[in-house]
């Protein structure tokens, strides 16, 4: 797989907080952005296998939407333990959003990776979730991946945030080509979900020429709901609390040679 490294400009956290405070005020009634200690992510509501998101931060964009649309390229499968080595961070704690490992599950799913990858001295820990259509009632079914499966794979596309982890049956793949956002939305299934949701967003402010997906967010919960986040449905009442850290490096892995802008929202 081709892998390209790119260094980000990393602003001072206080400066970044000020920029976010100003920008978010244009979209939310109440906003408070500050630099704080990372909460212990091993505790509820997160229950992650690592304490934090700090240390040698980086973003990895793997594959891309062109491997899904207009028709799926089923040979595009990835191992997150190998991805950690590709980004020069074996043992990395990885969060994010991607397409589920259909090669293991047998069908298409939304994937919420929460993985402590393997290192020289420690085995990997998989705390990931998958969401798909419940074949019984057509609703959204969320599953803890490690309770049924034991690999560390994903497929087609993934937007991943990686660090040292320190403190501080949905629709099958379409058999018809999907060439427009309207066709994609007819193929997708949308659900209104209940709060609280734990979201795993990865975003970049600017594409420096690598055909990046600028924002990708998947979510899970402890009440059986999860999947791809599109937008809120109660804008007058919704509340968000988020913990973010800027990435030092970008790794673009297996970038599609032919691309398009369909299906990226």
C-alpha atoms as a PDB file:
ATOM      1  CA  UNK A   1       0.000   0.000   0.000  1.00  0.00           C
ATOM      2  CA  UNK A   2       1.206   3.456  -0.807  1.00  0.00           C
ATOM      3  CA  UNK A   3       1.604   5.667   2.273  1.00  0.00           C
ATOM      4  CA  UNK A   4       2.426   9.379   2.247  1.00  0.00           C
ATOM      5  CA  UNK A   5       3.373  11.389   5.353  1.00  0.00           C
ATOM      6  CA  UNK A   6       2.516  15.071   5.768  1.00  0.00           C
ATOM      7  CA  UNK A   7       3.312  17.337   8.730  1.00  0.00           C
ATOM      8  CA  UNK A   8       0.523  19.522  10.078  1.00  0.00           C
ATOM      9  CA  UNK A   9       0.934  22.962  11.580  1.00  0.00           C
ATOM     10  CA  UNK A  10       0.031  22.454  15.239  1.00  0.00           C
ATOM     11  CA  UNK A  11      -1.146  25.692  16.886  1.00  0.00           C
ATOM     12  CA  UNK A  12      -0.840  26.484  20.563  1.00  0.00           C
ATOM     13  CA  UNK A  13      -3.825  24.929  22.346  1.00  0.00           C
ATOM     14  CA  UNK A  14      -4.929  28.230  23.897  1.00  0.00           C
ATOM     15  CA  UNK A  15      -4.857  29.867  20.463  1.00  0.00           C
ATOM     16  CA  UNK A  16      -6.819  26.963  18.986  1.00  0.00           C
ATOM     17  CA  UNK A  17      -9.413  27.167  21.765  1.00  0.00           C
ATOM     18  CA  UNK A  18      -9.983  30.848  20.955  1.00  0.00           C
ATOM     19  CA  UNK A  19     -10.497  30.136  17.267  1.00  0.00           C
ATOM     20  CA  UNK A  20     -12.970  27.332  18.021  1.00  0.00           C
ATOM     21  CA  UNK A  21     -14.818  29.469  20.580  1.00  0.00           C
ATOM     22  CA  UNK A  22     -15.314  32.232  18.016  1.00  0.00           C
ATOM     23  CA  UNK A  23     -16.357  29.871  15.194  1.00  0.00           C
ATOM     24  CA  UNK A  24     -18.764  27.785  17.247  1.00  0.00           C
ATOM     25  CA  UNK A  25     -20.556  30.868  18.572  1.00  0.00           C
ATOM     26  CA  UNK A  26     -21.901  31.371  15.040  1.00  0.00           C
ATOM     27  CA  UNK A  27     -23.703  28.011  15.240  1.00  0.00           C
ATOM     28  CA  UNK A  28     -24.584  27.387  18.891  1.00  0.00           C
ATOM     29  CA  UNK A  29     -26.389  29.454  21.517  1.00  0.00           C
ATOM     30  CA  UNK A  30     -23.968  28.521  24.304  1.00  0.00           C
ATOM     31  CA  UNK A  31     -20.334  27.609  23.743  1.00  0.00           C
ATOM     32  CA  UNK A  32     -17.426  27.050  26.099  1.00  0.00           C
ATOM     33  CA  UNK A  33     -14.066  25.955  24.686  1.00  0.00           C
ATOM     34  CA  UNK A  34     -11.127  25.530  27.028  1.00  0.00           C
ATOM     35  CA  UNK A  35      -7.896  23.607  27.413  1.00  0.00           C
ATOM     36  CA  UNK A  36      -8.407  20.890  30.034  1.00  0.00           C
ATOM     37  CA  UNK A  37      -6.864  17.632  31.189  1.00  0.00           C
ATOM     38  CA  UNK A  38      -8.129  14.685  29.176  1.00  0.00           C
ATOM     39  CA  UNK A  39     -10.701  12.726  31.200  1.00  0.00           C
ATOM     40  CA  UNK A  40      -9.973   9.103  32.043  1.00  0.00           C
ATOM     41  CA  UNK A  41     -11.391   7.408  28.960  1.00  0.00           C
ATOM     42  CA  UNK A  42     -11.318   3.976  30.575  1.00  0.00           C
ATOM     43  CA  UNK A  43     -14.315   5.119  32.642  1.00  0.00           C
ATOM     44  CA  UNK A  44     -17.960   5.437  31.591  1.00  0.00           C
ATOM     45  CA  UNK A  45     -19.446   6.593  29.310  1.00  0.00           C
ATOM     46  CA  UNK A  46     -16.408   5.826  27.157  1.00  0.00           C
ATOM     47  CA  UNK A  47     -15.026   2.539  28.532  1.00  0.00           C
ATOM     48  CA  UNK A  48     -12.080   2.695  26.119  1.00  0.00           C
ATOM     49  CA  UNK A  49      -8.962   0.514  26.430  1.00  0.00           C
ATOM     50  CA  UNK A  50      -6.712   3.563  26.871  1.00  0.00           C
ATOM     51  CA  UNK A  51      -6.791   6.454  29.327  1.00  0.00           C
ATOM     52  CA  UNK A  52      -6.452   9.341  26.885  1.00  0.00           C
ATOM     53  CA  UNK A  53      -5.874  10.656  23.376  1.00  0.00           C
ATOM     54  CA  UNK A  54      -2.524  12.337  23.945  1.00  0.00           C
ATOM     55  CA  UNK A  55       0.989  11.598  22.728  1.00  0.00           C
ATOM     56  CA  UNK A  56       2.403  11.561  19.187  1.00  0.00           C
ATOM     57  CA  UNK A  57      -0.962  12.391  17.635  1.00  0.00           C
ATOM     58  CA  UNK A  58      -1.671  11.683  14.004  1.00  0.00           C
ATOM     59  CA  UNK A  59      -4.499  11.226  11.506  1.00  0.00           C
ATOM     60  CA  UNK A  60      -4.612   8.341   9.046  1.00  0.00           C
ATOM     61  CA  UNK A  61      -6.995   8.399   6.119  1.00  0.00           C
ATOM     62  CA  UNK A  62      -7.184   4.923   4.632  1.00  0.00           C
ATOM     63  CA  UNK A  63      -8.760   4.131   1.256  1.00  0.00           C
ATOM     64  CA  UNK A  64     -11.730   6.311   0.436  1.00  0.00           C
ATOM     65  CA  UNK A  65     -15.323   6.642  -0.748  1.00  0.00           C
ATOM     66  CA  UNK A  66     -14.291   5.842  -4.364  1.00  0.00           C
ATOM     67  CA  UNK A  67     -13.654   2.277  -3.167  1.00  0.00           C
ATOM     68  CA  UNK A  68     -17.331   2.092  -2.112  1.00  0.00           C
ATOM     69  CA  UNK A  69     -19.002   4.044  -4.915  1.00  0.00           C
ATOM     70  CA  UNK A  70     -20.233   3.621  -7.567  1.00  0.00           C
ATOM     71  CA  UNK A  71     -19.561  -0.091  -6.959  1.00  0.00           C
ATOM     72  CA  UNK A  72     -17.733  -1.679  -4.057  1.00  0.00           C
ATOM     73  CA  UNK A  73     -14.149  -2.858  -4.500  1.00  0.00           C
ATOM     74  CA  UNK A  74     -14.213  -5.861  -2.171  1.00  0.00           C
ATOM     75  CA  UNK A  75     -10.470  -6.449  -2.384  1.00  0.00           C
ATOM     76  CA  UNK A  76      -9.881  -3.318  -0.283  1.00  0.00           C
ATOM     77  CA  UNK A  77      -9.426  -4.706   3.238  1.00  0.00           C
ATOM     78  CA  UNK A  78      -7.092  -3.462   5.967  1.00  0.00           C
ATOM     79  CA  UNK A  79      -5.668  -4.563   9.319  1.00  0.00           C
ATOM     80  CA  UNK A  80      -5.458  -1.824  11.935  1.00  0.00           C
ATOM     81  CA  UNK A  81      -2.452  -3.408  13.632  1.00  0.00           C
ATOM     82  CA  UNK A  82      -0.617  -3.067  10.313  1.00  0.00           C
ATOM     83  CA  UNK A  83      -1.951   0.462   9.873  1.00  0.00           C
ATOM     84  CA  UNK A  84      -0.406   1.399  13.228  1.00  0.00           C
ATOM     85  CA  UNK A  85       2.970   0.282  11.936  1.00  0.00           C
ATOM     86  CA  UNK A  86       2.450   2.145   8.647  1.00  0.00           C
ATOM     87  CA  UNK A  87       1.977   5.379  10.599  1.00  0.00           C
ATOM     88  CA  UNK A  88       5.100   4.670  12.646  1.00  0.00           C
ATOM     89  CA  UNK A  89       3.177   4.158  15.879  1.00  0.00           C
ATOM     90  CA  UNK A  90       2.954   0.438  16.744  1.00  0.00           C
ATOM     91  CA  UNK A  91       0.803   0.067  19.813  1.00  0.00           C
ATOM     92  CA  UNK A  92      -1.236   3.147  18.867  1.00  0.00           C
ATOM     93  CA  UNK A  93      -4.625   3.807  20.380  1.00  0.00           C
ATOM     94  CA  UNK A  94      -6.962   4.304  17.394  1.00  0.00           C
ATOM     95  CA  UNK A  95     -10.403   5.926  17.256  1.00  0.00           C
ATOM     96  CA  UNK A  96     -12.513   7.018  14.328  1.00  0.00           C
ATOM     97  CA  UNK A  97     -15.011   6.098  11.645  1.00  0.00           C
ATOM     98  CA  UNK A  98     -14.917   3.633   8.787  1.00  0.00           C
ATOM     99  CA  UNK A  99     -16.527   0.845   6.846  1.00  0.00           C
ATOM    100  CA  UNK A 100     -16.844  -2.398   8.772  1.00  0.00           C
ATOM    101  CA  UNK A 101     -14.853  -5.555   8.063  1.00  0.00           C
ATOM    102  CA  UNK A 102     -17.288  -7.275   5.682  1.00  0.00           C
ATOM    103  CA  UNK A 103     -14.616  -9.881   5.028  1.00  0.00           C
ATOM    104  CA  UNK A 104     -15.240 -11.093   8.592  1.00  0.00           C
ATOM    105  CA  UNK A 105     -18.844 -10.127   9.287  1.00  0.00           C
ATOM    106  CA  UNK A 106     -20.152 -11.147   5.875  1.00  0.00           C
ATOM    107  CA  UNK A 107     -22.046  -7.954   5.068  1.00  0.00           C
ATOM    108  CA  UNK A 108     -21.731  -4.190   5.096  1.00  0.00           C
ATOM    109  CA  UNK A 109     -21.640  -2.369   8.434  1.00  0.00           C
ATOM    110  CA  UNK A 110     -20.773   0.987   9.908  1.00  0.00           C
ATOM    111  CA  UNK A 111     -17.607   0.638  11.960  1.00  0.00           C
ATOM    112  CA  UNK A 112     -16.623   2.506  15.113  1.00  0.00           C
ATOM    113  CA  UNK A 113     -12.986   1.527  15.749  1.00  0.00           C
ATOM    114  CA  UNK A 114     -11.819   1.713  19.363  1.00  0.00           C
ATOM    115  CA  UNK A 115      -8.577  -0.241  19.309  1.00  0.00           C
ATOM    116  CA  UNK A 116      -5.383  -0.452  21.288  1.00  0.00           C
ATOM    117  CA  UNK A 117      -3.146  -1.952  18.616  1.00  0.00           C
ATOM    118  CA  UNK A 118      -0.490  -4.551  19.279  1.00  0.00           C
ATOM    119  CA  UNK A 119       2.975  -3.603  20.394  1.00  0.00           C
ATOM    120  CA  UNK A 120       6.147  -5.521  21.098  1.00  0.00           C
ATOM    121  CA  UNK A 121       5.165  -6.084  24.719  1.00  0.00           C
ATOM    122  CA  UNK A 122       1.334  -5.989  24.690  1.00  0.00           C
ATOM    123  CA  UNK A 123      -1.388  -7.835  22.765  1.00  0.00           C
ATOM    124  CA  UNK A 124      -4.050  -5.745  20.991  1.00  0.00           C
ATOM    125  CA  UNK A 125      -7.362  -4.841  22.628  1.00  0.00           C
ATOM    126  CA  UNK A 126     -10.479  -4.379  20.511  1.00  0.00           C
ATOM    127  CA  UNK A 127     -13.251  -2.251  21.996  1.00  0.00           C
ATOM    128  CA  UNK A 128     -14.863  -1.481  18.627  1.00  0.00           C
ATOM    129  CA  UNK A 129     -18.535  -1.426  17.649  1.00  0.00           C
ATOM    130  CA  UNK A 130     -20.412  -2.156  14.435  1.00  0.00           C
ATOM    131  CA  UNK A 131     -23.910  -1.011  13.471  1.00  0.00           C
ATOM    132  CA  UNK A 132     -26.165  -2.519  10.825  1.00  0.00           C
ATOM    133  CA  UNK A 133     -29.818  -3.087   9.971  1.00  0.00           C
ATOM    134  CA  UNK A 134     -31.563  -5.553  12.268  1.00  0.00           C
ATOM    135  CA  UNK A 135     -32.899  -8.347   9.982  1.00  0.00           C
ATOM    136  CA  UNK A 136     -35.753  -8.953  12.437  1.00  0.00           C
ATOM    137  CA  UNK A 137     -37.394  -5.532  12.598  1.00  0.00           C
ATOM    138  CA  UNK A 138     -35.438  -3.321  10.197  1.00  0.00           C
ATOM    139  CA  UNK A 139     -34.162  -1.147  13.018  1.00  0.00           C
ATOM    140  CA  UNK A 140     -30.608  -0.166  13.830  1.00  0.00           C
ATOM    141  CA  UNK A 141     -28.604  -2.869  15.599  1.00  0.00           C
ATOM    142  CA  UNK A 142     -25.424  -2.008  17.462  1.00  0.00           C
ATOM    143  CA  UNK A 143     -22.981  -4.765  18.409  1.00  0.00           C
ATOM    144  CA  UNK A 144     -19.761  -4.867  20.386  1.00  0.00           C
ATOM    145  CA  UNK A 145     -17.375  -6.222  17.775  1.00  0.00           C
ATOM    146  CA  UNK A 146     -15.099  -8.196  20.078  1.00  0.00           C
ATOM    147  CA  UNK A 147     -18.027 -10.168  21.520  1.00  0.00           C
ATOM    148  CA  UNK A 148     -18.458 -12.042  18.215  1.00  0.00           C
ATOM    149  CA  UNK A 149     -15.317 -11.463  16.162  1.00  0.00           C
ATOM    150  CA  UNK A 150     -11.619 -11.534  16.908  1.00  0.00           C
ATOM    151  CA  UNK A 151      -9.774  -9.802  14.086  1.00  0.00           C
ATOM    152  CA  UNK A 152      -8.671  -6.187  13.825  1.00  0.00           C
ATOM    153  CA  UNK A 153      -9.812  -5.425  10.307  1.00  0.00           C
ATOM    154  CA  UNK A 154     -11.742  -2.779   8.467  1.00  0.00           C
ATOM    155  CA  UNK A 155     -12.481  -2.231   4.774  1.00  0.00           C
ATOM    156  CA  UNK A 156     -12.792   0.268   1.954  1.00  0.00           C
ATOM    157  CA  UNK A 157     -12.312   3.476   3.922  1.00  0.00           C
ATOM    158  CA  UNK A 158     -11.448   4.758   7.356  1.00  0.00           C
ATOM    159  CA  UNK A 159     -10.720   8.082   9.001  1.00  0.00           C
ATOM    160  CA  UNK A 160      -8.596   7.417  12.054  1.00  0.00           C
ATOM    161  CA  UNK A 161      -7.121   9.418  14.912  1.00  0.00           C
ATOM    162  CA  UNK A 162      -4.144   7.721  16.515  1.00  0.00           C
ATOM    163  CA  UNK A 163      -2.061   8.526  19.563  1.00  0.00           C
ATOM    164  CA  UNK A 164      -0.112   6.912  22.358  1.00  0.00           C
ATOM    165  CA  UNK A 165      -3.395   6.773  24.301  1.00  0.00           C
ATOM    166  CA  UNK A 166      -1.981   8.719  27.176  1.00  0.00           C
ATOM    167  CA  UNK A 167      -3.941  10.869  29.646  1.00  0.00           C
ATOM    168  CA  UNK A 168      -2.996  14.861  29.216  1.00  0.00           C
ATOM    169  CA  UNK A 169     -27.926  -7.056   7.455  1.00  0.00           C
ATOM    170  CA  UNK A 170     -27.591  -2.794   6.793  1.00  0.00           C
ATOM    171  CA  UNK A 171     -28.285  -2.665   3.160  1.00  0.00           C
ATOM    172  CA  UNK A 172     -25.980  -5.021   1.294  1.00  0.00           C
ATOM    173  CA  UNK A 173     -23.445  -3.365  -0.956  1.00  0.00           C
ATOM    174  CA  UNK A 174     -25.421  -1.874  -3.817  1.00  0.00           C
ATOM    175  CA  UNK A 175     -25.546  -4.024  -6.967  1.00  0.00           C
ATOM    176  CA  UNK A 176     -26.323  -0.899  -9.015  1.00  0.00           C
ATOM    177  CA  UNK A 177     -23.783   1.893  -9.451  1.00  0.00           C
ATOM    178  CA  UNK A 178     -24.336   4.852  -7.125  1.00  0.00           C
ATOM    179  CA  UNK A 179     -23.293   7.971  -8.996  1.00  0.00           C
ATOM    180  CA  UNK A 180     -25.061  10.822  -7.183  1.00  0.00           C
ATOM    181  CA  UNK A 181     -25.680  11.857  -3.574  1.00  0.00           C
ATOM    182  CA  UNK A 182     -29.417  11.362  -4.183  1.00  0.00           C
ATOM    183  CA  UNK A 183     -28.823   7.728  -5.205  1.00  0.00           C
ATOM    184  CA  UNK A 184     -26.600   7.228  -2.158  1.00  0.00           C
ATOM    185  CA  UNK A 185     -29.274   8.613   0.192  1.00  0.00           C
ATOM    186  CA  UNK A 186     -31.908   6.293  -1.278  1.00  0.00           C
ATOM    187  CA  UNK A 187     -29.572   3.355  -0.571  1.00  0.00           C
ATOM    188  CA  UNK A 188     -28.798   4.447   2.977  1.00  0.00           C
ATOM    189  CA  UNK A 189     -31.106   4.017   5.967  1.00  0.00           C
ATOM    190  CA  UNK A 190     -31.545   6.913   8.387  1.00  0.00           C
ATOM    191  CA  UNK A 191     -32.560   6.573  12.034  1.00  0.00           C
ATOM    192  CA  UNK A 192     -33.272   9.078  14.763  1.00  0.00           C
ATOM    193  CA  UNK A 193     -31.242   8.026  17.800  1.00  0.00           C
ATOM    194  CA  UNK A 194     -31.552   8.753  21.473  1.00  0.00           C
ATOM    195  CA  UNK A 195     -29.004  10.558  23.579  1.00  0.00           C
ATOM    196  CA  UNK A 196     -26.473  10.110  24.969  1.00  0.00           C
ATOM    197  CA  UNK A 197     -24.211   9.054  22.110  1.00  0.00           C
ATOM    198  CA  UNK A 198     -20.439   8.658  22.210  1.00  0.00           C
ATOM    199  CA  UNK A 199     -19.062  10.033  18.943  1.00  0.00           C
ATOM    200  CA  UNK A 200     -15.653   9.437  17.376  1.00  0.00           C
ATOM    201  CA  UNK A 201     -15.076  12.350  14.979  1.00  0.00           C
ATOM    202  CA  UNK A 202     -12.010  12.861  12.829  1.00  0.00           C
ATOM    203  CA  UNK A 203     -11.735  16.092  10.878  1.00  0.00           C
ATOM    204  CA  UNK A 204      -9.186  18.296   9.180  1.00  0.00           C
ATOM    205  CA  UNK A 205      -9.493  21.999   8.459  1.00  0.00           C
ATOM    206  CA  UNK A 206      -7.910  21.854   4.993  1.00  0.00           C
ATOM    207  CA  UNK A 207      -7.026  19.223   2.404  1.00  0.00           C
ATOM    208  CA  UNK A 208      -3.383  19.779   1.440  1.00  0.00           C
ATOM    209  CA  UNK A 209      -3.875  17.809  -1.768  1.00  0.00           C
ATOM    210  CA  UNK A 210      -4.528  14.204  -0.694  1.00  0.00           C
ATOM    211  CA  UNK A 211      -8.254  13.919  -1.570  1.00  0.00           C
ATOM    212  CA  UNK A 212      -9.196  13.847   2.110  1.00  0.00           C
ATOM    213  CA  UNK A 213     -12.613  13.457   3.640  1.00  0.00           C
ATOM    214  CA  UNK A 214     -12.661  16.593   5.772  1.00  0.00           C
ATOM    215  CA  UNK A 215     -15.019  15.242   8.443  1.00  0.00           C
ATOM    216  CA  UNK A 216     -16.212  11.752   9.361  1.00  0.00           C
ATOM    217  CA  UNK A 217     -18.072  10.867  12.551  1.00  0.00           C
ATOM    218  CA  UNK A 218     -19.412   7.528  13.782  1.00  0.00           C
ATOM    219  CA  UNK A 219     -21.064   6.986  17.144  1.00  0.00           C
ATOM    220  CA  UNK A 220     -22.086   4.262  19.574  1.00  0.00           C
ATOM    221  CA  UNK A 221     -24.054   4.142  22.796  1.00  0.00           C
ATOM    222  CA  UNK A 222     -24.726   1.947  25.801  1.00  0.00           C
ATOM    223  CA  UNK A 223     -28.412   1.592  24.867  1.00  0.00           C
ATOM    224  CA  UNK A 224     -27.968  -0.263  21.566  1.00  0.00           C
ATOM    225  CA  UNK A 225     -27.860   2.505  18.979  1.00  0.00           C
ATOM    226  CA  UNK A 226     -25.039   3.692  16.770  1.00  0.00           C
ATOM    227  CA  UNK A 227     -23.748   4.305  13.264  1.00  0.00           C
ATOM    228  CA  UNK A 228     -22.786   7.207  11.024  1.00  0.00           C
ATOM    229  CA  UNK A 229     -23.630  10.681  12.331  1.00  0.00           C
ATOM    230  CA  UNK A 230     -25.311  12.888   9.696  1.00  0.00           C
ATOM    231  CA  UNK A 231     -26.849  15.806  11.630  1.00  0.00           C
ATOM    232  CA  UNK A 232     -28.873  16.643  14.732  1.00  0.00           C
ATOM    233  CA  UNK A 233     -32.678  16.643  14.591  1.00  0.00           C
ATOM    234  CA  UNK A 234     -33.303  18.813  17.667  1.00  0.00           C
ATOM    235  CA  UNK A 235     -31.128  21.881  17.054  1.00  0.00           C
ATOM    236  CA  UNK A 236     -32.817  23.918  19.799  1.00  0.00           C
ATOM    237  CA  UNK A 237     -32.096  21.341  22.490  1.00  0.00           C
ATOM    238  CA  UNK A 238     -29.002  19.357  21.500  1.00  0.00           C
ATOM    239  CA  UNK A 239     -25.883  19.609  23.646  1.00  0.00           C
ATOM    240  CA  UNK A 240     -22.378  18.470  22.753  1.00  0.00           C
ATOM    241  CA  UNK A 241     -19.359  17.914  24.964  1.00  0.00           C
ATOM    242  CA  UNK A 242     -16.161  17.064  23.133  1.00  0.00           C
ATOM    243  CA  UNK A 243     -12.499  16.409  23.765  1.00  0.00           C
ATOM    244  CA  UNK A 244     -10.140  17.032  20.854  1.00  0.00           C
ATOM    245  CA  UNK A 245      -6.430  17.233  20.229  1.00  0.00           C
ATOM    246  CA  UNK A 246      -4.673  18.471  17.086  1.00  0.00           C
ATOM    247  CA  UNK A 247      -2.739  15.882  15.117  1.00  0.00           C
ATOM    248  CA  UNK A 248       0.928  16.388  14.397  1.00  0.00           C
ATOM    249  CA  UNK A 249       1.058  14.205  11.296  1.00  0.00           C
ATOM    250  CA  UNK A 250      -1.188  12.996   8.483  1.00  0.00           C
ATOM    251  CA  UNK A 251      -0.742   9.627   6.811  1.00  0.00           C
ATOM    252  CA  UNK A 252      -2.574   9.086   3.522  1.00  0.00           C
ATOM    253  CA  UNK A 253      -2.748   5.334   2.912  1.00  0.00           C
ATOM    254  CA  UNK A 254      -3.880   3.597  -0.294  1.00  0.00           C
ATOM    255  CA  UNK A 255      -5.323   6.782  -1.828  1.00  0.00           C
ATOM    256  CA  UNK A 256      -7.727   5.997  -4.714  1.00  0.00           C
ATOM    257  CA  UNK A 257      -6.220   6.909  -8.079  1.00  0.00           C
ATOM    258  CA  UNK A 258      -9.671   7.750  -9.496  1.00  0.00           C
ATOM    259  CA  UNK A 259     -11.874   9.904  -7.296  1.00  0.00           C
ATOM    260  CA  UNK A 260     -15.187  11.791  -7.025  1.00  0.00           C
ATOM    261  CA  UNK A 261     -17.082  13.879  -4.483  1.00  0.00           C
ATOM    262  CA  UNK A 262     -20.197  11.682  -4.111  1.00  0.00           C
ATOM    263  CA  UNK A 263     -21.198  10.246  -0.728  1.00  0.00           C
ATOM    264  CA  UNK A 264     -18.909  12.287   1.512  1.00  0.00           C
ATOM    265  CA  UNK A 265     -21.372  13.915   3.883  1.00  0.00           C
END
